[in-house]
Amino acid sequence: MAGLDPLLQHPTRLTVVAFLGGCVEAEFSAVRDYCQVSDSVLSKAASALEEAGYIVVKKGYVGKRPRTWLAVTGTGRRALADHLAVLQRLAAAAEAAGREAEEQADGHAAGS
């Protein structure tokens, strides 16, 4: 697991950064609904991501109603890309090891 971003190993935080990577910014409720989590779970994830510099949280109003928007930063985009690249390398290595193990098992069976 070397090279994986510990912050992005949490499914909600990974999903938040991935979702935000597809837009300029998103309203808190849209992110919450996409991630299928409660307000408190998203709030905790957003706080951790903001503290790391992966997202920015902007508060404002629409009319008289308070709103919160989230946006991924350049640092967050790079962290996501790096994390996904490590996952892809891990998956490719595991697949290659599986094929090798299968070939060895087939070779042992043929030699028996």
C-alpha atoms as a PDB file:
ATOM      1  CA  MET A   1       0.000   0.000   0.000  1.00  0.00           C
ATOM      2  CA  ALA A   2       3.037   2.260  -0.185  1.00  0.00           C
ATOM      3  CA  GLY A   3       2.304   5.473  -1.997  1.00  0.00           C
ATOM      4  CA  LEU A   4      -1.424   5.521  -1.285  1.00  0.00           C
ATOM      5  CA  ASP A   5      -2.643   8.765   0.229  1.00  0.00           C
ATOM      6  CA  PRO A   6      -3.862   7.916   3.754  1.00  0.00           C
ATOM      7  CA  LEU A   7      -6.423  10.721   3.612  1.00  0.00           C
ATOM      8  CA  LEU A   8      -7.926   9.356   0.387  1.00  0.00           C
ATOM      9  CA  GLN A   9      -8.099   5.770   1.623  1.00  0.00           C
ATOM     10  CA  HIS A  10     -11.359   6.674   3.360  1.00  0.00           C
ATOM     11  CA  PRO A  11     -14.182   6.003   0.849  1.00  0.00           C
ATOM     12  CA  THR A  12     -16.140   9.186   1.592  1.00  0.00           C
ATOM     13  CA  ARG A  13     -13.111  11.475   1.293  1.00  0.00           C
ATOM     14  CA  LEU A  14     -12.062   9.746  -1.938  1.00  0.00           C
ATOM     15  CA  THR A  15     -15.570  10.098  -3.365  1.00  0.00           C
ATOM     16  CA  VAL A  16     -15.785  13.775  -2.394  1.00  0.00           C
ATOM     17  CA  VAL A  17     -12.499  14.663  -4.112  1.00  0.00           C
ATOM     18  CA  ALA A  18     -13.376  12.574  -7.183  1.00  0.00           C
ATOM     19  CA  PHE A  19     -16.826  14.192  -7.458  1.00  0.00           C
ATOM     20  CA  LEU A  20     -15.435  17.691  -7.053  1.00  0.00           C
ATOM     21  CA  GLY A  21     -12.808  16.930  -9.689  1.00  0.00           C
ATOM     22  CA  GLY A  22     -15.615  16.909 -12.226  1.00  0.00           C
ATOM     23  CA  CYS A  23     -16.895  20.403 -11.506  1.00  0.00           C
ATOM     24  CA  VAL A  24     -15.772  23.908 -10.648  1.00  0.00           C
ATOM     25  CA  GLU A  25     -17.605  23.806  -7.329  1.00  0.00           C
ATOM     26  CA  ALA A  26     -20.628  22.075  -5.872  1.00  0.00           C
ATOM     27  CA  GLU A  27     -23.166  22.899  -3.247  1.00  0.00           C
ATOM     28  CA  PHE A  28     -22.787  20.904  -0.034  1.00  0.00           C
ATOM     29  CA  SER A  29     -26.158  19.203  -0.516  1.00  0.00           C
ATOM     30  CA  ALA A  30     -25.243  18.008  -4.031  1.00  0.00           C
ATOM     31  CA  VAL A  31     -22.020  16.438  -2.733  1.00  0.00           C
ATOM     32  CA  ARG A  32     -23.851  14.911   0.224  1.00  0.00           C
ATOM     33  CA  ASP A  33     -26.507  13.417  -2.022  1.00  0.00           C
ATOM     34  CA  TYR A  34     -23.956  12.025  -4.481  1.00  0.00           C
ATOM     35  CA  CYS A  35     -21.890  10.460  -1.686  1.00  0.00           C
ATOM     36  CA  GLN A  36     -25.057   9.167   0.003  1.00  0.00           C
ATOM     37  CA  VAL A  37     -23.923  10.253   3.455  1.00  0.00           C
ATOM     38  CA  SER A  38     -25.354  12.373   6.235  1.00  0.00           C
ATOM     39  CA  ASP A  39     -24.561  16.055   6.726  1.00  0.00           C
ATOM     40  CA  SER A  40     -22.330  15.239   9.684  1.00  0.00           C
ATOM     41  CA  VAL A  41     -20.324  12.592   7.793  1.00  0.00           C
ATOM     42  CA  LEU A  42     -19.756  14.961   4.866  1.00  0.00           C
ATOM     43  CA  SER A  43     -18.921  17.810   7.225  1.00  0.00           C
ATOM     44  CA  LYS A  44     -16.217  15.723   8.941  1.00  0.00           C
ATOM     45  CA  ALA A  45     -14.814  14.560   5.598  1.00  0.00           C
ATOM     46  CA  ALA A  46     -14.828  18.110   4.227  1.00  0.00           C
ATOM     47  CA  SER A  47     -13.059  19.438   7.327  1.00  0.00           C
ATOM     48  CA  ALA A  48     -10.282  16.850   6.989  1.00  0.00           C
ATOM     49  CA  LEU A  49      -9.902  17.546   3.264  1.00  0.00           C
ATOM     50  CA  GLU A  50      -9.904  21.308   3.804  1.00  0.00           C
ATOM     51  CA  GLU A  51      -7.295  21.014   6.556  1.00  0.00           C
ATOM     52  CA  ALA A  52      -5.067  19.072   4.133  1.00  0.00           C
ATOM     53  CA  GLY A  53      -5.569  21.716   1.443  1.00  0.00           C
ATOM     54  CA  TYR A  54      -7.407  19.321  -0.888  1.00  0.00           C
ATOM     55  CA  ILE A  55     -10.630  21.330  -1.003  1.00  0.00           C
ATOM     56  CA  VAL A  56     -11.853  24.812  -0.183  1.00  0.00           C
ATOM     57  CA  VAL A  57     -15.112  25.447   1.616  1.00  0.00           C
ATOM     58  CA  LYS A  58     -16.974  28.666   0.828  1.00  0.00           C
ATOM     59  CA  LYS A  59     -19.984  29.830   2.793  1.00  0.00           C
ATOM     60  CA  GLY A  60     -22.521  32.345   1.573  1.00  0.00           C
ATOM     61  CA  TYR A  61     -26.167  33.017   1.042  1.00  0.00           C
ATOM     62  CA  VAL A  62     -28.713  32.424  -1.670  1.00  0.00           C
ATOM     63  CA  GLY A  63     -31.309  35.002  -0.796  1.00  0.00           C
ATOM     64  CA  LYS A  64     -31.585  34.715   2.968  1.00  0.00           C
ATOM     65  CA  ARG A  65     -30.677  31.015   3.062  1.00  0.00           C
ATOM     66  CA  PRO A  66     -27.155  30.038   4.094  1.00  0.00           C
ATOM     67  CA  ARG A  67     -25.306  27.791   1.657  1.00  0.00           C
ATOM     68  CA  THR A  68     -21.959  26.011   1.594  1.00  0.00           C
ATOM     69  CA  TRP A  69     -19.981  25.243  -1.557  1.00  0.00           C
ATOM     70  CA  LEU A  70     -17.042  22.888  -1.918  1.00  0.00           C
ATOM     71  CA  ALA A  71     -14.314  22.981  -4.569  1.00  0.00           C
ATOM     72  CA  VAL A  72     -11.228  20.840  -5.127  1.00  0.00           C
ATOM     73  CA  THR A  73      -7.844  22.583  -5.160  1.00  0.00           C
ATOM     74  CA  GLY A  74      -4.872  21.927  -7.415  1.00  0.00           C
ATOM     75  CA  THR A  75      -3.283  20.069  -4.512  1.00  0.00           C
ATOM     76  CA  GLY A  76      -6.403  17.918  -4.196  1.00  0.00           C
ATOM     77  CA  ARG A  77      -6.442  17.141  -7.915  1.00  0.00           C
ATOM     78  CA  ARG A  78      -2.776  16.072  -7.828  1.00  0.00           C
ATOM     79  CA  ALA A  79      -3.341  13.971  -4.698  1.00  0.00           C
ATOM     80  CA  LEU A  80      -6.276  12.203  -6.362  1.00  0.00           C
ATOM     81  CA  ALA A  81      -4.320  11.567  -9.579  1.00  0.00           C
ATOM     82  CA  ASP A  82      -1.344  10.201  -7.624  1.00  0.00           C
ATOM     83  CA  HIS A  83      -3.586   8.027  -5.442  1.00  0.00           C
ATOM     84  CA  LEU A  84      -5.393   6.588  -8.464  1.00  0.00           C
ATOM     85  CA  ALA A  85      -2.087   5.915 -10.237  1.00  0.00           C
ATOM     86  CA  VAL A  86      -0.867   3.900  -7.237  1.00  0.00           C
ATOM     87  CA  LEU A  87      -4.155   1.959  -7.163  1.00  0.00           C
ATOM     88  CA  GLN A  88      -3.794   1.194 -10.873  1.00  0.00           C
ATOM     89  CA  ARG A  89      -0.215  -0.035 -10.349  1.00  0.00           C
ATOM     90  CA  LEU A  90      -1.343  -2.199  -7.425  1.00  0.00           C
ATOM     91  CA  ALA A  91      -4.159  -3.696  -9.484  1.00  0.00           C
ATOM     92  CA  ALA A  92      -1.871  -4.366 -12.460  1.00  0.00           C
ATOM     93  CA  ALA A  93       0.774  -5.980 -10.227  1.00  0.00           C
ATOM     94  CA  ALA A  94      -1.829  -8.161  -8.519  1.00  0.00           C
ATOM     95  CA  GLU A  95      -3.270  -9.223 -11.858  1.00  0.00           C
ATOM     96  CA  ALA A  96       0.195 -10.109 -13.173  1.00  0.00           C
ATOM     97  CA  ALA A  97       0.989 -12.063  -9.997  1.00  0.00           C
ATOM     98  CA  GLY A  98      -2.297 -13.949 -10.335  1.00  0.00           C
ATOM     99  CA  ARG A  99      -1.510 -14.891 -13.928  1.00  0.00           C
ATOM    100  CA  GLU A 100       1.982 -16.015 -12.904  1.00  0.00           C
ATOM    101  CA  ALA A 101       0.624 -18.128 -10.057  1.00  0.00           C
ATOM    102  CA  GLU A 102      -1.924 -19.704 -12.401  1.00  0.00           C
ATOM    103  CA  GLU A 103       0.771 -20.476 -14.980  1.00  0.00           C
ATOM    104  CA  GLN A 104       2.958 -22.066 -12.295  1.00  0.00           C
ATOM    105  CA  ALA A 105       0.021 -24.129 -11.045  1.00  0.00           C
ATOM    106  CA  ASP A 106      -0.718 -25.244 -14.617  1.00  0.00           C
ATOM    107  CA  GLY A 107       2.958 -26.124 -15.083  1.00  0.00           C
ATOM    108  CA  HIS A 108       3.011 -28.204 -11.909  1.00  0.00           C
ATOM    109  CA  ALA A 109      -0.197 -29.966 -12.927  1.00  0.00           C
ATOM    110  CA  ALA A 110       1.199 -30.756 -16.371  1.00  0.00           C
ATOM    111  CA  GLY A 111       4.389 -32.141 -14.837  1.00  0.00           C
ATOM    112  CA  SER A 112       2.541 -34.441 -12.439  1.00  0.00           C
END
